[in-house]
C-alpha atoms as a PDB file:
ATOM      1  CA  MET A   1     252.398  86.159  90.594  1.00  0.00           C
ATOM      2  CA  HIS A   2     255.736  88.397  91.027  1.00  0.00           C
ATOM      3  CA  SER A   3     257.897  86.265  92.991  1.00  0.00           C
ATOM      4  CA  LEU A   4     261.915  86.854  92.282  1.00  0.00           C
ATOM      5  CA  GLY A   5     262.571  83.928  94.558  1.00  0.00           C
ATOM      6  CA  SER A   6     263.684  81.418  91.590  1.00  0.00           C
ATOM      7  CA  LEU A   7     265.223  84.174  89.629  1.00  0.00           C
ATOM      8  CA  THR A   8     269.504  84.185  89.825  1.00  0.00           C
ATOM      9  CA  TRP A   9     271.830  86.427  87.190  1.00  0.00           C
ATOM     10  CA  ARG A  10     272.851  82.674  85.954  1.00  0.00           C
ATOM     11  CA  ALA A  11     268.795  82.353  84.925  1.00  0.00           C
ATOM     12  CA  PRO A  12     268.787  82.667  80.995  1.00  0.00           C
ATOM     13  CA  VAL A  13     265.996  85.378  81.708  1.00  0.00           C
ATOM     14  CA  VAL A  14     268.121  87.342  83.455  1.00  0.00           C
ATOM     15  CA  GLN A  15     271.158  87.214  81.378  1.00  0.00           C
ATOM     16  CA  PHE A  16     268.809  88.598  78.234  1.00  0.00           C
ATOM     17  CA  LEU A  17     267.616  91.562  80.294  1.00  0.00           C
ATOM     18  CA  ALA A  18     270.993  92.402  81.268  1.00  0.00           C
ATOM     19  CA  LEU A  19     272.267  91.868  77.871  1.00  0.00           C
ATOM     20  CA  GLY A  20     269.185  93.959  76.583  1.00  0.00           C
ATOM     21  CA  LEU A  21     269.894  96.732  79.283  1.00  0.00           C
ATOM     22  CA  VAL A  22     273.254  96.971  78.387  1.00  0.00           C
ATOM     23  CA  LEU A  23     272.541  97.425  74.251  1.00  0.00           C
ATOM     24  CA  TYR A  24     270.381 100.386  75.640  1.00  0.00           C
ATOM     25  CA  PHE A  25     272.752 102.331  77.437  1.00  0.00           C
ATOM     26  CA  ALA A  26     275.156 101.399  74.706  1.00  0.00           C
ATOM     27  CA  LEU A  27     272.631 103.064  72.437  1.00  0.00           C
ATOM     28  CA  ASP A  28     272.395 105.994  74.993  1.00  0.00           C
ATOM     29  CA  LEU A  29     276.262 106.407  74.890  1.00  0.00           C
ATOM     30  CA  SER A  30     276.375 106.263  71.341  1.00  0.00           C
ATOM     31  CA  GLY A  31     273.568 108.733  70.689  1.00  0.00           C
ATOM     32  CA  ARG A  32     275.098 111.471  72.528  1.00  0.00           C
ATOM     33  CA  ASP A  33     278.200 112.033  70.299  1.00  0.00           C
ATOM     34  CA  SER A  34     275.305 112.134  67.370  1.00  0.00           C
ATOM     35  CA  GLY A  35     273.335 114.667  69.393  1.00  0.00           C
ATOM     36  CA  VAL A  36     270.651 111.662  69.852  1.00  0.00           C
ATOM     37  CA  GLY A  37     268.571 112.325  73.214  1.00  0.00           C
ATOM     38  CA  LEU A  38     269.863 113.923  76.198  1.00  0.00           C
ATOM     39  CA  ASP A  39     273.309 113.352  77.991  1.00  0.00           C
ATOM     40  CA  PRO A  40     273.192 112.084  81.597  1.00  0.00           C
ATOM     41  CA  ARG A  41     275.778 114.422  82.669  1.00  0.00           C
ATOM     42  CA  SER A  42     273.920 117.618  81.369  1.00  0.00           C
ATOM     43  CA  ALA A  43     271.860 119.972  83.106  1.00  0.00           C
ATOM     44  CA  GLU A  44     268.847 118.750  81.727  1.00  0.00           C
ATOM     45  CA  PHE A  45     269.013 115.321  82.662  1.00  0.00           C
ATOM     46  CA  SER A  46     269.619 114.995  86.665  1.00  0.00           C
ATOM     47  CA  ARG A  47     269.864 112.025  88.459  1.00  0.00           C
ATOM     48  CA  LYS A  48     268.095 113.644  91.341  1.00  0.00           C
ATOM     49  CA  ILE A  49     264.430 113.314  91.355  1.00  0.00           C
ATOM     50  CA  VAL A  50     262.746 115.414  93.972  1.00  0.00           C
ATOM     51  CA  VAL A  51     259.044 114.751  94.521  1.00  0.00           C
ATOM     52  CA  GLU A  52     257.238 118.055  95.032  1.00  0.00           C
ATOM     53  CA  ARG A  53     253.387 117.483  96.787  1.00  0.00           C
ATOM     54  CA  ASP A  54     251.521 119.392  93.852  1.00  0.00           C
ATOM     55  CA  ALA A  55     253.083 116.953  91.247  1.00  0.00           C
ATOM     56  CA  LEU A  56     252.355 114.633  93.259  1.00  0.00           C
ATOM     57  CA  LEU A  57     248.937 115.075  93.665  1.00  0.00           C
ATOM     58  CA  ALA A  58     248.661 116.007  89.913  1.00  0.00           C
ATOM     59  CA  PHE A  59     249.685 112.426  89.267  1.00  0.00           C
ATOM     60  CA  VAL A  60     247.743 110.888  91.006  1.00  0.00           C
ATOM     61  CA  GLN A  61     244.783 112.697  89.904  1.00  0.00           C
ATOM     62  CA  ALA A  62     245.923 111.963  86.732  1.00  0.00           C
ATOM     63  CA  ARG A  63     245.888 108.194  87.207  1.00  0.00           C
ATOM     64  CA  THR A  64     242.971 108.108  88.943  1.00  0.00           C
ATOM     65  CA  GLN A  65     241.001 110.414  86.974  1.00  0.00           C
ATOM     66  CA  GLU A  66     239.494 112.535  89.579  1.00  0.00           C
ATOM     67  CA  PRO A  67     238.000 115.728  88.075  1.00  0.00           C
ATOM     68  CA  ASP A  68     238.474 117.415  91.003  1.00  0.00           C
ATOM     69  CA  ALA A  69     241.784 118.168  92.503  1.00  0.00           C
ATOM     70  CA  ARG A  70     240.670 118.812  96.271  1.00  0.00           C
ATOM     71  CA  VAL A  71     238.879 115.870  96.274  1.00  0.00           C
ATOM     72  CA  THR A  72     242.325 114.032  94.987  1.00  0.00           C
ATOM     73  CA  ALA A  73     244.142 115.750  97.723  1.00  0.00           C
ATOM     74  CA  LEU A  74     241.711 115.295 100.555  1.00  0.00           C
ATOM     75  CA  ALA A  75     241.623 111.359  99.367  1.00  0.00           C
ATOM     76  CA  TYR A  76     245.102 111.186  99.376  1.00  0.00           C
ATOM     77  CA  ASP A  77     245.547 112.735 102.645  1.00  0.00           C
ATOM     78  CA  GLY A  78     243.519 109.840 103.963  1.00  0.00           C
ATOM     79  CA  LEU A  79     245.590 106.990 102.848  1.00  0.00           C
ATOM     80  CA  THR A  80     247.634 104.913 104.932  1.00  0.00           C
ATOM     81  CA  ARG A  81     251.250 105.687 105.665  1.00  0.00           C
ATOM     82  CA  GLU A  82     252.016 102.189 103.177  1.00  0.00           C
ATOM     83  CA  ARG A  83     249.577 103.451 100.483  1.00  0.00           C
ATOM     84  CA  ARG A  84     250.744 106.986 100.250  1.00  0.00           C
ATOM     85  CA  GLN A  85     254.147 105.644  99.758  1.00  0.00           C
ATOM     86  CA  HIS A  86     252.882 103.360  96.972  1.00  0.00           C
ATOM     87  CA  TRP A  87     252.178 106.841  94.998  1.00  0.00           C
ATOM     88  CA  ILE A  88     255.469 108.216  95.789  1.00  0.00           C
ATOM     89  CA  ASP A  89     257.129 104.894  94.683  1.00  0.00           C
ATOM     90  CA  ARG A  90     254.827 105.108  91.088  1.00  0.00           C
ATOM     91  CA  PHE A  91     255.751 108.780  91.090  1.00  0.00           C
ATOM     92  CA  VAL A  92     259.196 108.064  90.865  1.00  0.00           C
ATOM     93  CA  ARG A  93     259.253 105.178  89.048  1.00  0.00           C
ATOM     94  CA  GLU A  94     257.776 106.692  86.145  1.00  0.00           C
ATOM     95  CA  GLU A  95     259.855 109.737  86.314  1.00  0.00           C
ATOM     96  CA  ALA A  96     262.807 107.806  86.294  1.00  0.00           C
ATOM     97  CA  LEU A  97     261.563 105.511  83.116  1.00  0.00           C
ATOM     98  CA  VAL A  98     260.938 108.848  81.279  1.00  0.00           C
ATOM     99  CA  ARG A  99     264.006 110.068  81.802  1.00  0.00           C
ATOM    100  CA  GLU A 100     265.582 107.397  80.871  1.00  0.00           C
ATOM    101  CA  ALA A 101     263.421 106.856  77.581  1.00  0.00           C
ATOM    102  CA  LEU A 102     264.486 110.666  76.803  1.00  0.00           C
ATOM    103  CA  SER A 103     268.019 109.731  77.176  1.00  0.00           C
ATOM    104  CA  LEU A 104     267.757 107.383  74.575  1.00  0.00           C
ATOM    105  CA  GLY A 105     266.024 109.658  72.228  1.00  0.00           C
ATOM    106  CA  LEU A 106     262.823 107.634  72.433  1.00  0.00           C
ATOM    107  CA  ASP A 107     260.775 111.327  72.353  1.00  0.00           C
ATOM    108  CA  ARG A 108     262.446 112.515  68.863  1.00  0.00           C
ATOM    109  CA  GLY A 109     259.932 112.680  66.026  1.00  0.00           C
ATOM    110  CA  ASP A 110     257.090 111.420  68.477  1.00  0.00           C
ATOM    111  CA  GLU A 111     254.805 113.751  70.047  1.00  0.00           C
ATOM    112  CA  LEU A 112     253.014 111.025  72.390  1.00  0.00           C
ATOM    113  CA  ILE A 113     252.992 112.025  76.207  1.00  0.00           C
ATOM    114  CA  ARG A 114     254.947 111.422  78.823  1.00  0.00           C
ATOM    115  CA  ARG A 115     252.883 107.828  79.416  1.00  0.00           C
ATOM    116  CA  ARG A 116     253.926 106.539  75.757  1.00  0.00           C
ATOM    117  CA  LEU A 117     257.388 107.375  76.453  1.00  0.00           C
ATOM    118  CA  VAL A 118     257.457 105.180  79.603  1.00  0.00           C
ATOM    119  CA  GLN A 119     255.131 102.050  78.001  1.00  0.00           C
ATOM    120  CA  LYS A 120     257.931 102.186  74.982  1.00  0.00           C
ATOM    121  CA  LEU A 121     260.798 101.520  77.600  1.00  0.00           C
ATOM    122  CA  GLU A 122     258.607  98.766  78.631  1.00  0.00           C
ATOM    123  CA  PHE A 123     257.802  96.925  75.940  1.00  0.00           C
ATOM    124  CA  LEU A 124     261.826  97.388  74.834  1.00  0.00           C
ATOM    125  CA  THR A 125     262.663  95.840  78.091  1.00  0.00           C
ATOM    126  CA  LEU A 126     259.621  93.287  77.876  1.00  0.00           C
ATOM    127  CA  GLY A 127     260.936  92.221  74.243  1.00  0.00           C
ATOM    128  CA  VAL A 128     264.326  91.006  75.842  1.00  0.00           C
ATOM    129  CA  VAL A 129     262.786  88.692  78.164  1.00  0.00           C
ATOM    130  CA  GLU A 130     260.004  87.216  76.391  1.00  0.00           C
ATOM    131  CA  ASP A 131     262.468  84.243  75.213  1.00  0.00           C
ATOM    132  CA  GLU A 132     260.822  80.828  74.360  1.00  0.00           C
ATOM    133  CA  GLU A 133     263.360  79.477  77.185  1.00  0.00           C
ATOM    134  CA  ALA A 134     263.399  75.629  78.217  1.00  0.00           C
ATOM    135  CA  ILE A 135     261.090  75.004  80.511  1.00  0.00           C
ATOM    136  CA  GLY A 136     261.409  71.471  82.139  1.00  0.00           C
ATOM    137  CA  GLU A 137     258.619  69.192  83.295  1.00  0.00           C
ATOM    138  CA  ALA A 138     259.579  69.526  87.384  1.00  0.00           C
ATOM    139  CA  ASP A 139     259.453  73.362  86.830  1.00  0.00           C
ATOM    140  CA  VAL A 140     256.064  73.360  85.504  1.00  0.00           C
ATOM    141  CA  GLU A 141     254.951  70.319  88.214  1.00  0.00           C
ATOM    142  CA  ALA A 142     256.474  72.611  90.861  1.00  0.00           C
ATOM    143  CA  PHE A 143     254.392  76.158  89.284  1.00  0.00           C
ATOM    144  CA  TYR A 144     251.381  73.665  89.092  1.00  0.00           C
ATOM    145  CA  HIS A 145     251.475  72.433  92.851  1.00  0.00           C
ATOM    146  CA  ALA A 146     252.100  76.420  93.993  1.00  0.00           C
ATOM    147  CA  HIS A 147     249.453  77.511  92.507  1.00  0.00           C
ATOM    148  CA  VAL A 148     247.013  74.878  92.051  1.00  0.00           C
ATOM    149  CA  GLU A 149     244.138  76.764  93.469  1.00  0.00           C
ATOM    150  CA  GLU A 150     244.095  79.371  90.833  1.00  0.00           C
ATOM    151  CA  TYR A 151     243.568  76.778  88.018  1.00  0.00           C
ATOM    152  CA  ARG A 152     240.374  75.252  89.771  1.00  0.00           C
ATOM    153  CA  VAL A 153     237.546  74.067  87.438  1.00  0.00           C
ATOM    154  CA  PRO A 154     234.589  76.000  89.085  1.00  0.00           C
ATOM    155  CA  THR A 155     231.030  74.511  89.580  1.00  0.00           C
ATOM    156  CA  ILE A 156     228.955  73.971  86.573  1.00  0.00           C
ATOM    157  CA  LEU A 157     225.525  74.621  86.254  1.00  0.00           C
ATOM    158  CA  THR A 158     222.360  74.081  84.101  1.00  0.00           C
ATOM    159  CA  PHE A 159     218.522  74.898  85.104  1.00  0.00           C
ATOM    160  CA  ALA A 160     215.479  76.518  83.886  1.00  0.00           C
ATOM    161  CA  HIS A 161     213.324  78.224  86.114  1.00  0.00           C
ATOM    162  CA  VAL A 162     210.051  79.451  86.732  1.00  0.00           C
ATOM    163  CA  PHE A 163     209.751  83.071  88.654  1.00  0.00           C
ATOM    164  CA  PHE A 164     207.364  84.770  90.845  1.00  0.00           C
ATOM    165  CA  ARG A 165     207.417  87.859  92.611  1.00  0.00           C
ATOM    166  CA  GLY A 166     206.523  89.109  96.477  1.00  0.00           C
ATOM    167  CA  GLY A 167     206.320  85.942  98.681  1.00  0.00           C
ATOM    168  CA  GLY A 168     208.997  87.981 100.871  1.00  0.00           C
ATOM    169  CA  ASP A 169     209.693  86.499 104.600  1.00  0.00           C
ATOM    170  CA  SER A 170     206.172  85.254 104.635  1.00  0.00           C
ATOM    171  CA  GLY A 171     206.890  82.437 102.111  1.00  0.00           C
ATOM    172  CA  PRO A 172     206.706  81.574  98.592  1.00  0.00           C
ATOM    173  CA  PRO A 173     203.572  82.917  97.114  1.00  0.00           C
ATOM    174  CA  ALA A 174     200.276  80.111  97.070  1.00  0.00           C
ATOM    175  CA  GLU A 175     200.657  79.961  93.313  1.00  0.00           C
ATOM    176  CA  ALA A 176     204.192  79.212  93.052  1.00  0.00           C
ATOM    177  CA  MET A 177     203.228  75.762  95.148  1.00  0.00           C
ATOM    178  CA  GLU A 178     200.312  75.342  92.473  1.00  0.00           C
ATOM    179  CA  VAL A 179     202.345  75.471  89.603  1.00  0.00           C
ATOM    180  CA  LEU A 180     205.070  72.948  90.839  1.00  0.00           C
ATOM    181  CA  GLU A 181     202.548  70.771  91.649  1.00  0.00           C
ATOM    182  CA  GLY A 182     200.869  71.088  87.637  1.00  0.00           C
ATOM    183  CA  LEU A 183     204.368  70.980  86.360  1.00  0.00           C
ATOM    184  CA  ASN A 184     205.590  67.683  87.916  1.00  0.00           C
ATOM    185  CA  GLU A 185     201.986  66.482  87.349  1.00  0.00           C
ATOM    186  CA  LYS A 186     202.533  66.874  83.720  1.00  0.00           C
ATOM    187  CA  GLY A 187     205.917  66.124  83.336  1.00  0.00           C
ATOM    188  CA  ALA A 188     206.803  69.252  81.682  1.00  0.00           C
ATOM    189  CA  GLY A 189     209.687  70.759  80.560  1.00  0.00           C
ATOM    190  CA  LEU A 190     211.351  74.289  79.863  1.00  0.00           C
ATOM    191  CA  SER A 191     208.896  74.592  77.221  1.00  0.00           C
ATOM    192  CA  GLY A 192     205.791  73.685  78.954  1.00  0.00           C
ATOM    193  CA  ALA A 193     206.735  76.400  81.994  1.00  0.00           C
ATOM    194  CA  LEU A 194     207.467  79.133  79.555  1.00  0.00           C
ATOM    195  CA  PRO A 195     204.281  81.189  79.659  1.00  0.00           C
ATOM    196  CA  LEU A 196     204.320  80.560  83.647  1.00  0.00           C
ATOM    197  CA  GLY A 197     205.440  82.451  86.216  1.00  0.00           C
ATOM    198  CA  ASP A 198     206.511  86.463  86.158  1.00  0.00           C
ATOM    199  CA  ARG A 199     208.811  88.462  83.610  1.00  0.00           C
ATOM    200  CA  PHE A 200     212.578  87.820  84.800  1.00  0.00           C
ATOM    201  CA  LEU A 201     214.915  90.597  84.761  1.00  0.00           C
ATOM    202  CA  TYR A 202     217.477  87.968  83.314  1.00  0.00           C
ATOM    203  CA  ASN A 203     217.175  84.504  81.622  1.00  0.00           C
ATOM    204  CA  ARG A 204     214.778  81.817  81.923  1.00  0.00           C
ATOM    205  CA  HIS A 205     217.170  79.201  80.957  1.00  0.00           C
ATOM    206  CA  TYR A 206     221.263  78.750  82.357  1.00  0.00           C
ATOM    207  CA  VAL A 207     223.378  76.183  80.401  1.00  0.00           C
ATOM    208  CA  ASP A 208     227.122  75.470  81.278  1.00  0.00           C
ATOM    209  CA  ARG A 209     226.802  78.720  83.801  1.00  0.00           C
ATOM    210  CA  THR A 210     229.280  78.856  86.758  1.00  0.00           C
ATOM    211  CA  LEU A 211     228.347  79.029  90.233  1.00  0.00           C
ATOM    212  CA  ASP A 212     229.801  82.979  90.224  1.00  0.00           C
ATOM    213  CA  GLU A 213     227.775  83.603  87.106  1.00  0.00           C
ATOM    214  CA  VAL A 214     224.926  82.352  89.124  1.00  0.00           C
ATOM    215  CA  ARG A 215     225.372  84.170  92.140  1.00  0.00           C
ATOM    216  CA  SER A 216     225.479  87.295  89.755  1.00  0.00           C
ATOM    217  CA  HIS A 217     221.577  87.030  88.779  1.00  0.00           C
ATOM    218  CA  PHE A 218     220.204  85.618  91.728  1.00  0.00           C
ATOM    219  CA  GLY A 219     222.155  86.165  94.761  1.00  0.00           C
ATOM    220  CA  ASP A 220     224.158  84.130  97.594  1.00  0.00           C
ATOM    221  CA  ALA A 221     220.936  82.275  99.031  1.00  0.00           C
ATOM    222  CA  MET A 222     219.628  80.768  95.413  1.00  0.00           C
ATOM    223  CA  SER A 223     223.189  80.074  94.463  1.00  0.00           C
ATOM    224  CA  GLY A 224     224.253  78.453  97.519  1.00  0.00           C
ATOM    225  CA  ALA A 225     220.764  76.265  97.191  1.00  0.00           C
ATOM    226  CA  LEU A 226     221.678  75.500  93.482  1.00  0.00           C
ATOM    227  CA  ALA A 227     225.044  74.425  94.766  1.00  0.00           C
ATOM    228  CA  LYS A 228     223.459  71.614  96.700  1.00  0.00           C
ATOM    229  CA  ILE A 229     220.436  70.652  95.107  1.00  0.00           C
ATOM    230  CA  THR A 230     220.035  67.503  93.355  1.00  0.00           C
ATOM    231  CA  PRO A 231     219.961  67.476  89.721  1.00  0.00           C
ATOM    232  CA  ASP A 232     217.057  65.917  88.097  1.00  0.00           C
ATOM    233  CA  PRO A 233     216.036  66.913  84.531  1.00  0.00           C
ATOM    234  CA  GLU A 234     212.704  65.303  84.906  1.00  0.00           C
ATOM    235  CA  ARG A 235     211.254  67.095  88.457  1.00  0.00           C
ATOM    236  CA  TRP A 236     211.008  70.644  89.093  1.00  0.00           C
ATOM    237  CA  GLN A 237     211.962  71.374  92.712  1.00  0.00           C
ATOM    238  CA  GLY A 238     211.440  74.315  95.011  1.00  0.00           C
ATOM    239  CA  PRO A 239     210.355  77.112  95.625  1.00  0.00           C
ATOM    240  CA  ILE A 240     213.708  78.828  96.238  1.00  0.00           C
ATOM    241  CA  ALA A 241     214.176  82.387  97.083  1.00  0.00           C
ATOM    242  CA  SER A 242     216.271  84.921  95.257  1.00  0.00           C
ATOM    243  CA  ASP A 243     217.064  88.544  95.878  1.00  0.00           C
ATOM    244  CA  HIS A 244     214.281  89.046  93.369  1.00  0.00           C
ATOM    245  CA  GLY A 245     211.361  86.620  94.548  1.00  0.00           C
ATOM    246  CA  TRP A 246     210.778  82.794  94.718  1.00  0.00           C
ATOM    247  CA  HIS A 247     211.732  80.093  91.723  1.00  0.00           C
ATOM    248  CA  LEU A 248     210.548  76.900  90.755  1.00  0.00           C
ATOM    249  CA  VAL A 249     213.927  75.168  89.041  1.00  0.00           C
ATOM    250  CA  LEU A 250     214.734  72.234  86.956  1.00  0.00           C
ATOM    251  CA  VAL A 251     217.850  71.089  87.141  1.00  0.00           C
ATOM    252  CA  SER A 252     219.538  69.041  84.704  1.00  0.00           C
ATOM    253  CA  VAL A 253     223.190  69.299  85.370  1.00  0.00           C
ATOM    254  CA  ARG A 254     226.115  70.227  87.745  1.00  0.00           C
ATOM    255  CA  GLU A 255     229.818  69.776  87.264  1.00  0.00           C
ATOM    256  CA  GLU A 256     231.018  70.119  90.773  1.00  0.00           C
ATOM    257  CA  SER A 257     234.458  72.160  91.569  1.00  0.00           C
ATOM    258  CA  ARG A 258     237.582  70.455  90.771  1.00  0.00           C
ATOM    259  CA  LEU A 259     241.433  70.603  90.696  1.00  0.00           C
ATOM    260  CA  PRO A 260     242.303  69.777  87.262  1.00  0.00           C
ATOM    261  CA  LYS A 261     245.221  67.521  86.839  1.00  0.00           C
ATOM    262  CA  VAL A 262     248.925  68.841  85.023  1.00  0.00           C
ATOM    263  CA  GLY A 263     248.387  67.102  82.218  1.00  0.00           C
ATOM    264  CA  GLU A 264     245.122  68.962  81.534  1.00  0.00           C
ATOM    265  CA  ILE A 265     246.651  72.433  81.678  1.00  0.00           C
ATOM    266  CA  ALA A 266     250.121  71.746  81.273  1.00  0.00           C
ATOM    267  CA  ALA A 267     250.026  74.494  78.154  1.00  0.00           C
ATOM    268  CA  SER A 268     248.701  77.156  80.256  1.00  0.00           C
ATOM    269  CA  LEU A 269     250.967  76.140  83.190  1.00  0.00           C
ATOM    270  CA  ARG A 270     254.033  76.881  80.763  1.00  0.00           C
ATOM    271  CA  ARG A 271     252.724  79.810  79.773  1.00  0.00           C
ATOM    272  CA  ASP A 272     252.171  80.996  82.723  1.00  0.00           C
ATOM    273  CA  LEU A 273     255.397  80.412  84.065  1.00  0.00           C
ATOM    274  CA  LEU A 274     257.311  82.110  81.517  1.00  0.00           C
ATOM    275  CA  ARG A 275     255.195  85.106  82.286  1.00  0.00           C
ATOM    276  CA  GLU A 276     255.757  85.072  85.491  1.00  0.00           C
ATOM    277  CA  LYS A 277     259.819  84.580  84.919  1.00  0.00           C
ATOM    278  CA  SER A 278     259.522  87.777  82.504  1.00  0.00           C
ATOM    279  CA  GLU A 279     257.447  89.883  84.764  1.00  0.00           C
ATOM    280  CA  GLY A 280     259.909  89.187  87.485  1.00  0.00           C
ATOM    281  CA  ALA A 281     263.381  89.780  85.495  1.00  0.00           C
ATOM    282  CA  LEU A 282     261.579  92.957  83.646  1.00  0.00           C
ATOM    283  CA  GLU A 283     260.247  94.205  87.290  1.00  0.00           C
ATOM    284  CA  ALA A 284     263.985  93.657  88.651  1.00  0.00           C
ATOM    285  CA  GLY A 285     265.570  95.611  85.446  1.00  0.00           C
ATOM    286  CA  LEU A 286     263.082  98.466  85.853  1.00  0.00           C
ATOM    287  CA  ARG A 287     263.965  98.709  89.876  1.00  0.00           C
ATOM    288  CA  GLU A 288     267.751  98.790  88.486  1.00  0.00           C
ATOM    289  CA  VAL A 289     266.959 101.679  86.589  1.00  0.00           C
ATOM    290  CA  VAL A 290     265.165 103.675  89.516  1.00  0.00           C
ATOM    291  CA  PHE A 291     267.451 103.034  92.245  1.00  0.00           C
ATOM    292  CA  GLY A 292     270.031 104.517  89.820  1.00  0.00           C
ATOM    293  CA  TYR A 293     268.277 108.019  90.818  1.00  0.00           C
ATOM    294  CA  GLU A 294     268.610 109.934  94.054  1.00  0.00           C
ATOM    295  CA  VAL A 295     264.935 110.446  95.477  1.00  0.00           C
ATOM    296  CA  GLU A 296     264.018 113.585  97.730  1.00  0.00           C
ATOM    297  CA  LEU A 297     260.785 114.193  98.976  1.00  0.00           C
ATOM    298  CA  GLY A 298     259.281 117.841  98.897  1.00  0.00           C
ATOM    299  CA  PRO A 299     257.346 119.860 102.269  1.00  0.00           C
ATOM    300  CA  GLY A 300     254.307 118.326 102.973  1.00  0.00           C
ATOM    301  CA  LEU A 301     255.191 114.690 101.822  1.00  0.00           C
ATOM    302  CA  GLU A 302     256.616 111.608 104.451  1.00  0.00           C
END
């Protein structure tokens, strides 16, 4: 969520950002008089960023943590034009922010690496815009409707199962059918089923698990079947195929996926809306810093 459509220079969050950036550059100017930081007009501080291929590939290798430089070069050359431009933009942004951080004297007395310098400037700027500004109910309502699917409550399942290996495409093993009949005749619950079947890789009992969690343990086929089966805490059902074998299941609860009402998640909506505004204003401010530099691509780069 990085939309800047709702941000204007009249918005309080942007005004805070602008004020913060002015203060930082004012500190920069005062730092020149006291010998702190680099003078942007000096030979050491250039407003021109030249992106050389070797430096860019080293940057990509460091960010992807690829140990082999040759692999990095081949992977980069195989990227689409858009993805290569993405890495160039990241390189330019970091170089610009490092220079701004150095011009503010943030490296003095600090032995951390370049990345820390970037983080310090980002955190300083973010601190300006993280204001507890008033967000109206209409703003929260509009934000809810724009992002409603992101707050969907997933399907929740509570069930037990008995696992049987084998069967394959030919169907469940005969033992599974016999055990199913016996469990239902005795009215056995989870405790009565524990000694039965084969040992399973994960759990025998799942309580309040999302459908995605179930899918990660059993696969698509079984999670899909459990999403349709009628819960009955007194009757074992199945056998149901999974990625591992076959299962008898005792499904006690299934809470269907639903969209919560605004009132249920008002606090989360307000927090996420403020974060979106802050991130958008931060990105706009940092973009202004980067736009203050001339960028030149070296040989071998588009």
